[in-house]
Each structure stands twice: as structure tokens, then as C-alpha cells.
Amino acid sequence: MGRTLNEIAYYYLTSVKQFSDDKTADIRLVKSWVRTSRAIWIRNTLNKNGTVPEEFIQDLGVITLEVVDQSDVGLDSGFKILRTVKQIPTMIDTKHEPTIVRIGPGTTRSASYKFISYHRVPFIGNGRFNNTTIFSFIKNKYIYILSKDDGILTPGMRKITVRGVLEDPTEAASFVKADGTLCYTELSEYPISEYLIGYMKNTIISIDFNILVNAAEDEKNNARDDVQLQVPKSVQKQNSGGEEEQQ
């Protein structure tokens, strides 16, 4: 069984004994380091080989769609398309494309919709064999569903499932699965591999913790210097009086 985000963060904290009392590094700060390091590593790895490991993928459950005018995405008005009623979390982007694994009907057994970039939207369905294809794309963090064949986008088509690699996995907490349970809670397994947990440990301890320690030490030294530079008022008066007598 995988670890929760809390377990990973405390693992890093207790790995460095001087921080185990949480006075220097707040657990929330360590969690932010985990999220940032994870996102950077996944982005770099996917840009190299393009393969998305299953342990990084999250399910956003079943998302409701609503009908909107095409002008919502800069197309000619008067035509209707479907849009998710809520914005989806930011997906890790690779080579300017979000890591969407699936956008499809509410039943996962059905074929997924073809995902394209927003810039290709004006040209969809112009090919000889794709005029009945259902396309999906993201704009302003909303998912849109459209097709040249208006008959495909039936009134009953109001639910989709979405899977992908989220930049911040905790943002899945506001989405619900088909069985009514939340897609993410504090007790959920964090979407990360054991290898990456060990790999990030060295980076976080050697870089993030060290920066924090040095900053704290500099602040302490500055405070000590400030104390040394502060001259008591009684001494200031004595010096002032002595200078007057010498004059």
C-alpha cells in the first residue's frame, strides 16, 4: 500500500533529526516541497519518454456537463457545445500539452473522446473520416466536448470521466467518484512511486532543508549582530557628557 502525503512529509522531517520537532520546518512547507519536486520530476521524465506510469494517474470521477454557446471559446455564436460545470485541476503539462489520459463517457467501458489542443478546434471534423468524431479540449481549465455532427451531442450526454496527472494531487478532493466517495482525502494514497519518494528525499534534504537552515541561521546571526550594535542609552549619555567636557 502506498503512503499518504502526510506520511511522506513526516518521513522527510524525521529523516533529519534536528527538524523532527517541527519548529524549523512546518509540515505544510514540507508538503509543498513534495508537490513541487514531484511535478518537476514527472514533467522532465515524461518529456523524455512520454510514458505515464499508472501510479501517477488520478481519477476525477464523474463530472457533469452543461450546454454553452460556442462563443464561450471564441467560435461563431449560435452553435451549442458541452462544457464541464466546474473547472478541473491543472494537469502537468509536457511539451505544451496537459497529461490527459482519458476524457470519455460516464461509463469507462466506452471509448474515450479524442483530446486535442484548443488551437486545433477551428479545424475539427473537416477531414474525410472524422466528421462524426467527438472531440475534447481544455480552455480556461474547463473541458469542452464538441463534434461536427450535432446529433452525437444528445441531451442524455451530460456526464464524462476524466483521468490524468494532476500538478497538485490534493485538488482532486473536490471531485466525486461514481459511488459517491471523494476522489481524494488526507487518507488517500499519494500518486507517487516509492522510487520517487527516495529520490526526492535526497533533493529535499540537501537543497530545501539546507536553504531553510541557512536562512534561519543568517536571521539568528543578524539578530545577534543587531544586539551587539545597540548601544545602551546610559552609555550614550556618558559619551555625550564626556565629549562636552573635552570641548
C-alpha atoms as a PDB file:
ATOM      1  CA  MET A   1       0.000   0.000   0.000  1.00  0.00           C
ATOM      2  CA  GLY A   2       1.257   3.478  -0.884  1.00  0.00           C
ATOM      3  CA  ARG A   3       1.849   6.331   1.532  1.00  0.00           C
ATOM      4  CA  THR A   4      -0.285   9.387   2.204  1.00  0.00           C
ATOM      5  CA  LEU A   5       1.099  12.887   1.719  1.00  0.00           C
ATOM      6  CA  ASN A   6       1.281  13.313   5.495  1.00  0.00           C
ATOM      7  CA  GLU A   7       3.317  10.122   5.836  1.00  0.00           C
ATOM      8  CA  ILE A   8       5.756  11.218   3.142  1.00  0.00           C
ATOM      9  CA  ALA A   9       6.209  14.682   4.666  1.00  0.00           C
ATOM     10  CA  TYR A  10       6.811  13.310   8.178  1.00  0.00           C
ATOM     11  CA  TYR A  11       9.223  10.756   6.734  1.00  0.00           C
ATOM     12  CA  TYR A  12      11.341  13.613   5.388  1.00  0.00           C
ATOM     13  CA  LEU A  13      11.068  15.536   8.658  1.00  0.00           C
ATOM     14  CA  THR A  14      12.171  12.659  10.845  1.00  0.00           C
ATOM     15  CA  SER A  15      14.990  11.814   8.442  1.00  0.00           C
ATOM     16  CA  VAL A  16      16.717  14.955   9.670  1.00  0.00           C
ATOM     17  CA  LYS A  17      16.681  14.790  13.470  1.00  0.00           C
ATOM     18  CA  GLN A  18      17.239  18.473  14.099  1.00  0.00           C
ATOM     19  CA  PHE A  19      13.930  19.218  12.337  1.00  0.00           C
ATOM     20  CA  SER A  20      11.857  16.486  13.980  1.00  0.00           C
ATOM     21  CA  ASP A  21      10.297  18.949  16.455  1.00  0.00           C
ATOM     22  CA  ASP A  22       8.712  20.834  13.522  1.00  0.00           C
ATOM     23  CA  LYS A  23       9.954  24.167  14.867  1.00  0.00           C
ATOM     24  CA  THR A  24      12.156  24.935  11.894  1.00  0.00           C
ATOM     25  CA  ALA A  25      10.139  23.346   9.083  1.00  0.00           C
ATOM     26  CA  ASP A  26       6.359  23.448   9.142  1.00  0.00           C
ATOM     27  CA  ILE A  27       4.734  20.256   7.846  1.00  0.00           C
ATOM     28  CA  ARG A  28       2.787  22.331   5.316  1.00  0.00           C
ATOM     29  CA  LEU A  29       6.047  23.660   3.899  1.00  0.00           C
ATOM     30  CA  VAL A  30       7.405  20.126   3.515  1.00  0.00           C
ATOM     31  CA  LYS A  31       4.213  19.096   1.701  1.00  0.00           C
ATOM     32  CA  SER A  32       4.688  21.971  -0.742  1.00  0.00           C
ATOM     33  CA  TRP A  33       8.246  20.759  -1.396  1.00  0.00           C
ATOM     34  CA  VAL A  34       6.879  17.279  -2.115  1.00  0.00           C
ATOM     35  CA  ARG A  35       4.301  18.635  -4.577  1.00  0.00           C
ATOM     36  CA  THR A  36       6.836  20.834  -6.378  1.00  0.00           C
ATOM     37  CA  SER A  37       9.557  18.171  -6.612  1.00  0.00           C
ATOM     38  CA  ARG A  38       7.058  15.568  -7.806  1.00  0.00           C
ATOM     39  CA  ALA A  39       5.711  17.822 -10.547  1.00  0.00           C
ATOM     40  CA  ILE A  40       9.188  18.756 -11.796  1.00  0.00           C
ATOM     41  CA  TRP A  41      10.367  15.134 -11.869  1.00  0.00           C
ATOM     42  CA  ILE A  42       7.248  13.885 -13.684  1.00  0.00           C
ATOM     43  CA  ARG A  43       7.374  16.701 -16.234  1.00  0.00           C
ATOM     44  CA  ASN A  44      11.042  16.056 -17.021  1.00  0.00           C
ATOM     45  CA  THR A  45      10.538  12.300 -17.215  1.00  0.00           C
ATOM     46  CA  LEU A  46       7.503  12.486 -19.479  1.00  0.00           C
ATOM     47  CA  ASN A  47       9.251  14.937 -21.787  1.00  0.00           C
ATOM     48  CA  LYS A  48      11.982  12.337 -22.261  1.00  0.00           C
ATOM     49  CA  ASN A  49      10.000   9.151 -22.852  1.00  0.00           C
ATOM     50  CA  GLY A  50       6.323  10.181 -22.911  1.00  0.00           C
ATOM     51  CA  THR A  51       5.190   7.215 -20.828  1.00  0.00           C
ATOM     52  CA  VAL A  52       2.780   7.943 -17.962  1.00  0.00           C
ATOM     53  CA  PRO A  53       3.239   5.449 -15.072  1.00  0.00           C
ATOM     54  CA  GLU A  54      -0.068   4.278 -13.614  1.00  0.00           C
ATOM     55  CA  GLU A  55       0.856   5.275 -10.042  1.00  0.00           C
ATOM     56  CA  PHE A  56       0.880   8.967 -11.027  1.00  0.00           C
ATOM     57  CA  ILE A  57      -2.567   8.977 -12.649  1.00  0.00           C
ATOM     58  CA  GLN A  58      -5.664  10.187 -10.794  1.00  0.00           C
ATOM     59  CA  ASP A  59      -9.350   9.738 -11.460  1.00  0.00           C
ATOM     60  CA  LEU A  60     -11.579  12.799 -11.192  1.00  0.00           C
ATOM     61  CA  GLY A  61     -14.697  10.679 -11.060  1.00  0.00           C
ATOM     62  CA  VAL A  62     -17.847  11.609 -12.947  1.00  0.00           C
ATOM     63  CA  ILE A  63     -18.123  15.257 -13.974  1.00  0.00           C
ATOM     64  CA  THR A  64     -21.381  16.890 -15.086  1.00  0.00           C
ATOM     65  CA  LEU A  65     -21.587  18.771 -18.391  1.00  0.00           C
ATOM     66  CA  GLU A  66     -23.728  21.759 -19.335  1.00  0.00           C
ATOM     67  CA  VAL A  67     -24.690  23.299 -22.677  1.00  0.00           C
ATOM     68  CA  VAL A  68     -22.985  26.578 -23.630  1.00  0.00           C
ATOM     69  CA  ASP A  69     -22.657  28.643 -26.777  1.00  0.00           C
ATOM     70  CA  GLN A  70     -19.557  28.186 -28.925  1.00  0.00           C
ATOM     71  CA  SER A  71     -18.746  31.855 -28.422  1.00  0.00           C
ATOM     72  CA  ASP A  72     -17.601  30.781 -24.951  1.00  0.00           C
ATOM     73  CA  VAL A  73     -14.409  29.548 -26.618  1.00  0.00           C
ATOM     74  CA  GLY A  74     -14.119  32.172 -29.333  1.00  0.00           C
ATOM     75  CA  LEU A  75     -16.028  30.314 -32.069  1.00  0.00           C
ATOM     76  CA  ASP A  76     -19.050  31.564 -34.054  1.00  0.00           C
ATOM     77  CA  SER A  77     -22.056  32.060 -31.817  1.00  0.00           C
ATOM     78  CA  GLY A  78     -25.356  30.316 -32.384  1.00  0.00           C
ATOM     79  CA  PHE A  79     -23.984  26.784 -32.016  1.00  0.00           C
ATOM     80  CA  LYS A  80     -24.041  24.774 -28.815  1.00  0.00           C
ATOM     81  CA  ILE A  81     -21.260  22.730 -27.266  1.00  0.00           C
ATOM     82  CA  LEU A  82     -20.855  20.964 -23.941  1.00  0.00           C
ATOM     83  CA  ARG A  83     -18.689  22.161 -21.068  1.00  0.00           C
ATOM     84  CA  THR A  84     -17.918  20.855 -17.592  1.00  0.00           C
ATOM     85  CA  VAL A  85     -19.869  22.717 -14.922  1.00  0.00           C
ATOM     86  CA  LYS A  86     -16.690  23.160 -12.891  1.00  0.00           C
ATOM     87  CA  GLN A  87     -13.065  23.821 -13.668  1.00  0.00           C
ATOM     88  CA  ILE A  88     -10.700  20.890 -13.463  1.00  0.00           C
ATOM     89  CA  PRO A  89      -7.355  20.939 -11.626  1.00  0.00           C
ATOM     90  CA  THR A  90      -4.220  21.878 -13.531  1.00  0.00           C
ATOM     91  CA  MET A  91      -2.622  18.877 -15.195  1.00  0.00           C
ATOM     92  CA  ILE A  92       1.145  18.564 -15.514  1.00  0.00           C
ATOM     93  CA  ASP A  93       1.980  19.783 -18.991  1.00  0.00           C
ATOM     94  CA  THR A  94       4.531  18.109 -21.232  1.00  0.00           C
ATOM     95  CA  LYS A  95       5.665  19.824 -24.410  1.00  0.00           C
ATOM     96  CA  HIS A  96       2.780  22.277 -24.042  1.00  0.00           C
ATOM     97  CA  GLU A  97       0.164  19.517 -23.657  1.00  0.00           C
ATOM     98  CA  PRO A  98      -1.560  18.518 -20.391  1.00  0.00           C
ATOM     99  CA  THR A  99      -1.153  14.891 -19.342  1.00  0.00           C
ATOM    100  CA  ILE A 100      -4.732  13.825 -20.005  1.00  0.00           C
ATOM    101  CA  VAL A 101      -5.017  10.031 -20.031  1.00  0.00           C
ATOM    102  CA  ARG A 102      -8.747   9.841 -20.650  1.00  0.00           C
ATOM    103  CA  ILE A 103     -11.771  12.025 -21.303  1.00  0.00           C
ATOM    104  CA  GLY A 104     -14.785   9.920 -22.125  1.00  0.00           C
ATOM    105  CA  PRO A 105     -18.382   8.965 -21.358  1.00  0.00           C
ATOM    106  CA  GLY A 106     -19.535   8.338 -17.809  1.00  0.00           C
ATOM    107  CA  THR A 107     -19.132   4.605 -18.375  1.00  0.00           C
ATOM    108  CA  THR A 108     -15.441   3.783 -18.511  1.00  0.00           C
ATOM    109  CA  ARG A 109     -16.058   0.836 -20.847  1.00  0.00           C
ATOM    110  CA  SER A 110     -16.949   3.219 -23.679  1.00  0.00           C
ATOM    111  CA  ALA A 111     -14.305   4.641 -25.986  1.00  0.00           C
ATOM    112  CA  SER A 112     -12.736   7.928 -24.937  1.00  0.00           C
ATOM    113  CA  TYR A 113     -13.166  11.192 -26.824  1.00  0.00           C
ATOM    114  CA  LYS A 114     -10.292  12.412 -28.958  1.00  0.00           C
ATOM    115  CA  PHE A 115      -8.328  15.013 -26.983  1.00  0.00           C
ATOM    116  CA  ILE A 116      -6.884  17.934 -28.956  1.00  0.00           C
ATOM    117  CA  SER A 117      -5.286  21.295 -28.186  1.00  0.00           C
ATOM    118  CA  TYR A 118      -7.504  24.371 -28.271  1.00  0.00           C
ATOM    119  CA  HIS A 119      -5.651  25.733 -31.318  1.00  0.00           C
ATOM    120  CA  ARG A 120      -6.911  22.817 -33.406  1.00  0.00           C
ATOM    121  CA  VAL A 121     -10.579  23.381 -32.541  1.00  0.00           C
ATOM    122  CA  PRO A 122     -11.475  25.535 -35.616  1.00  0.00           C
ATOM    123  CA  PHE A 123     -10.358  22.701 -37.891  1.00  0.00           C
ATOM    124  CA  ILE A 124     -12.073  19.714 -36.272  1.00  0.00           C
ATOM    125  CA  GLY A 125     -14.273  17.466 -38.347  1.00  0.00           C
ATOM    126  CA  ASN A 126     -13.009  18.787 -41.673  1.00  0.00           C
ATOM    127  CA  GLY A 127     -11.351  15.513 -42.540  1.00  0.00           C
ATOM    128  CA  ARG A 128     -12.951  12.819 -44.638  1.00  0.00           C
ATOM    129  CA  PHE A 129     -13.250  10.309 -41.815  1.00  0.00           C
ATOM    130  CA  ASN A 130     -13.620  12.406 -38.649  1.00  0.00           C
ATOM    131  CA  ASN A 131     -16.795  14.395 -39.273  1.00  0.00           C
ATOM    132  CA  THR A 132     -18.579  12.261 -36.683  1.00  0.00           C
ATOM    133  CA  THR A 133     -15.706  12.124 -34.202  1.00  0.00           C
ATOM    134  CA  ILE A 134     -16.317  13.536 -30.716  1.00  0.00           C
ATOM    135  CA  PHE A 135     -13.505  15.835 -29.647  1.00  0.00           C
ATOM    136  CA  SER A 136     -12.497  17.196 -26.268  1.00  0.00           C
ATOM    137  CA  PHE A 137     -10.232  20.079 -25.312  1.00  0.00           C
ATOM    138  CA  ILE A 138      -9.407  22.325 -22.369  1.00  0.00           C
ATOM    139  CA  LYS A 139      -9.714  26.092 -22.167  1.00  0.00           C
ATOM    140  CA  ASN A 140      -9.633  28.227 -19.025  1.00  0.00           C
ATOM    141  CA  LYS A 141      -9.483  24.962 -17.030  1.00  0.00           C
ATOM    142  CA  TYR A 142     -12.875  23.819 -18.372  1.00  0.00           C
ATOM    143  CA  ILE A 143     -13.247  20.710 -20.517  1.00  0.00           C
ATOM    144  CA  TYR A 144     -15.323  21.146 -23.687  1.00  0.00           C
ATOM    145  CA  ILE A 145     -16.933  18.418 -25.798  1.00  0.00           C
ATOM    146  CA  LEU A 146     -17.925  19.034 -29.400  1.00  0.00           C
ATOM    147  CA  SER A 147     -18.439  17.419 -32.790  1.00  0.00           C
ATOM    148  CA  LYS A 148     -19.361  18.464 -36.320  1.00  0.00           C
ATOM    149  CA  ASP A 149     -22.279  16.060 -36.058  1.00  0.00           C
ATOM    150  CA  ASP A 150     -24.764  17.814 -33.749  1.00  0.00           C
ATOM    151  CA  GLY A 151     -26.763  14.620 -33.453  1.00  0.00           C
ATOM    152  CA  ILE A 152     -23.968  12.987 -31.481  1.00  0.00           C
ATOM    153  CA  LEU A 153     -24.140  15.516 -28.662  1.00  0.00           C
ATOM    154  CA  THR A 154     -27.504  14.277 -27.403  1.00  0.00           C
ATOM    155  CA  PRO A 155     -29.310  15.700 -24.332  1.00  0.00           C
ATOM    156  CA  GLY A 156     -28.522  12.482 -22.476  1.00  0.00           C
ATOM    157  CA  MET A 157     -24.798  13.044 -22.843  1.00  0.00           C
ATOM    158  CA  ARG A 158     -24.218  15.001 -19.660  1.00  0.00           C
ATOM    159  CA  LYS A 159     -21.514  13.074 -17.791  1.00  0.00           C
ATOM    160  CA  ILE A 160     -17.850  12.422 -18.515  1.00  0.00           C
ATOM    161  CA  THR A 161     -14.971  10.710 -16.755  1.00  0.00           C
ATOM    162  CA  VAL A 162     -11.524  12.267 -16.596  1.00  0.00           C
ATOM    163  CA  ARG A 163      -8.148  10.754 -15.744  1.00  0.00           C
ATOM    164  CA  GLY A 164      -4.770  12.454 -15.795  1.00  0.00           C
ATOM    165  CA  VAL A 165      -1.669  13.520 -13.884  1.00  0.00           C
ATOM    166  CA  LEU A 166      -2.503  16.452 -11.607  1.00  0.00           C
ATOM    167  CA  GLU A 167       0.106  19.049 -10.737  1.00  0.00           C
ATOM    168  CA  ASP A 168      -1.341  19.194  -7.213  1.00  0.00           C
ATOM    169  CA  PRO A 169      -2.947  15.828  -6.415  1.00  0.00           C
ATOM    170  CA  THR A 170      -4.850  17.241  -3.425  1.00  0.00           C
ATOM    171  CA  GLU A 171      -7.053  19.290  -5.775  1.00  0.00           C
ATOM    172  CA  ALA A 172      -8.925  16.084  -6.630  1.00  0.00           C
ATOM    173  CA  ALA A 173     -10.571  16.396  -3.209  1.00  0.00           C
ATOM    174  CA  SER A 174     -13.432  18.446  -4.681  1.00  0.00           C
ATOM    175  CA  PHE A 175     -14.394  15.730  -7.174  1.00  0.00           C
ATOM    176  CA  VAL A 176     -16.625  12.715  -6.551  1.00  0.00           C
ATOM    177  CA  LYS A 177     -16.479   9.162  -7.895  1.00  0.00           C
ATOM    178  CA  ALA A 178     -19.461   7.309  -9.317  1.00  0.00           C
ATOM    179  CA  ASP A 179     -20.006   5.558  -5.973  1.00  0.00           C
ATOM    180  CA  GLY A 180     -20.288   8.905  -4.167  1.00  0.00           C
ATOM    181  CA  THR A 181     -16.876   8.816  -2.446  1.00  0.00           C
ATOM    182  CA  LEU A 182     -14.352  11.631  -2.751  1.00  0.00           C
ATOM    183  CA  CYS A 183     -11.584  11.252  -5.314  1.00  0.00           C
ATOM    184  CA  TYR A 184      -9.000  12.338  -2.747  1.00  0.00           C
ATOM    185  CA  THR A 185      -8.788  12.696   1.028  1.00  0.00           C
ATOM    186  CA  GLU A 186      -5.946  13.038   3.534  1.00  0.00           C
ATOM    187  CA  LEU A 187      -6.087   9.256   3.904  1.00  0.00           C
ATOM    188  CA  SER A 188      -5.684   8.617   0.166  1.00  0.00           C
ATOM    189  CA  GLU A 189      -2.522   7.159  -1.279  1.00  0.00           C
ATOM    190  CA  TYR A 190      -0.456   9.978  -2.745  1.00  0.00           C
ATOM    191  CA  PRO A 191       0.038   9.378  -6.500  1.00  0.00           C
ATOM    192  CA  ILE A 192       3.775   8.785  -6.441  1.00  0.00           C
ATOM    193  CA  SER A 193       6.177   5.842  -6.680  1.00  0.00           C
ATOM    194  CA  GLU A 194       8.361   4.560  -3.852  1.00  0.00           C
ATOM    195  CA  TYR A 195      11.370   5.190  -6.061  1.00  0.00           C
ATOM    196  CA  LEU A 196      10.471   8.853  -6.422  1.00  0.00           C
ATOM    197  CA  ILE A 197       9.920   9.214  -2.663  1.00  0.00           C
ATOM    198  CA  GLY A 198      13.501   8.054  -2.088  1.00  0.00           C
ATOM    199  CA  TYR A 199      14.870  10.134  -4.948  1.00  0.00           C
ATOM    200  CA  MET A 200      13.161  13.315  -3.773  1.00  0.00           C
ATOM    201  CA  LYS A 201      14.341  12.758  -0.194  1.00  0.00           C
ATOM    202  CA  ASN A 202      17.937  13.498  -1.171  1.00  0.00           C
ATOM    203  CA  THR A 203      16.936  16.593  -3.134  1.00  0.00           C
ATOM    204  CA  ILE A 204      14.600  17.995  -0.480  1.00  0.00           C
ATOM    205  CA  ILE A 205      17.043  17.440   2.390  1.00  0.00           C
ATOM    206  CA  SER A 206      20.143  18.658   0.543  1.00  0.00           C
ATOM    207  CA  ILE A 207      18.508  21.699  -1.063  1.00  0.00           C
ATOM    208  CA  ASP A 208      15.202  22.779   0.506  1.00  0.00           C
ATOM    209  CA  PHE A 209      16.088  21.973   4.115  1.00  0.00           C
ATOM    210  CA  ASN A 210      19.566  23.490   3.740  1.00  0.00           C
ATOM    211  CA  ILE A 211      18.174  26.732   2.343  1.00  0.00           C
ATOM    212  CA  LEU A 212      15.766  26.902   5.278  1.00  0.00           C
ATOM    213  CA  VAL A 213      18.540  26.194   7.802  1.00  0.00           C
ATOM    214  CA  ASN A 214      20.890  28.765   6.307  1.00  0.00           C
ATOM    215  CA  ALA A 215      18.138  31.379   6.234  1.00  0.00           C
ATOM    216  CA  ALA A 216      17.306  30.674   9.880  1.00  0.00           C
ATOM    217  CA  GLU A 217      20.978  30.793  10.831  1.00  0.00           C
ATOM    218  CA  ASP A 218      21.512  34.082   8.961  1.00  0.00           C
ATOM    219  CA  GLU A 219      18.492  35.576  10.720  1.00  0.00           C
ATOM    220  CA  LYS A 220      19.875  34.444  14.059  1.00  0.00           C
ATOM    221  CA  ASN A 221      23.303  35.895  13.291  1.00  0.00           C
ATOM    222  CA  ASN A 222      21.775  39.161  12.124  1.00  0.00           C
ATOM    223  CA  ALA A 223      19.782  39.384  15.331  1.00  0.00           C
ATOM    224  CA  ARG A 224      22.972  38.774  17.315  1.00  0.00           C
ATOM    225  CA  ASP A 225      24.791  41.482  15.350  1.00  0.00           C
ATOM    226  CA  ASP A 226      21.919  43.896  15.894  1.00  0.00           C
ATOM    227  CA  VAL A 227      22.154  43.326  19.648  1.00  0.00           C
ATOM    228  CA  GLN A 228      25.882  43.977  19.612  1.00  0.00           C
ATOM    229  CA  LEU A 229      25.428  47.183  17.667  1.00  0.00           C
ATOM    230  CA  GLN A 230      22.784  48.562  20.021  1.00  0.00           C
ATOM    231  CA  VAL A 231      24.441  50.947  22.491  1.00  0.00           C
ATOM    232  CA  PRO A 232      22.626  51.341  25.845  1.00  0.00           C
ATOM    233  CA  LYS A 233      21.180  54.814  26.472  1.00  0.00           C
ATOM    234  CA  SER A 234      23.182  55.186  29.686  1.00  0.00           C
ATOM    235  CA  VAL A 235      26.405  54.707  27.759  1.00  0.00           C
ATOM    236  CA  GLN A 236      25.236  57.157  25.106  1.00  0.00           C
ATOM    237  CA  LYS A 237      24.668  59.803  27.803  1.00  0.00           C
ATOM    238  CA  GLN A 238      28.084  59.191  29.320  1.00  0.00           C
ATOM    239  CA  ASN A 239      29.764  59.508  25.969  1.00  0.00           C
ATOM    240  CA  SER A 240      27.804  62.667  25.255  1.00  0.00           C
ATOM    241  CA  GLY A 241      28.832  64.187  28.592  1.00  0.00           C
ATOM    242  CA  GLY A 242      32.465  63.270  28.119  1.00  0.00           C
ATOM    243  CA  GLU A 243      32.615  64.892  24.737  1.00  0.00           C
ATOM    244  CA  GLU A 244      31.177  68.126  26.130  1.00  0.00           C
ATOM    245  CA  GLU A 245      33.757  68.218  28.959  1.00  0.00           C
ATOM    246  CA  GLN A 246      36.559  67.690  26.468  1.00  0.00           C
ATOM    247  CA  GLN A 247      35.296  70.644  24.492  1.00  0.00           C
END
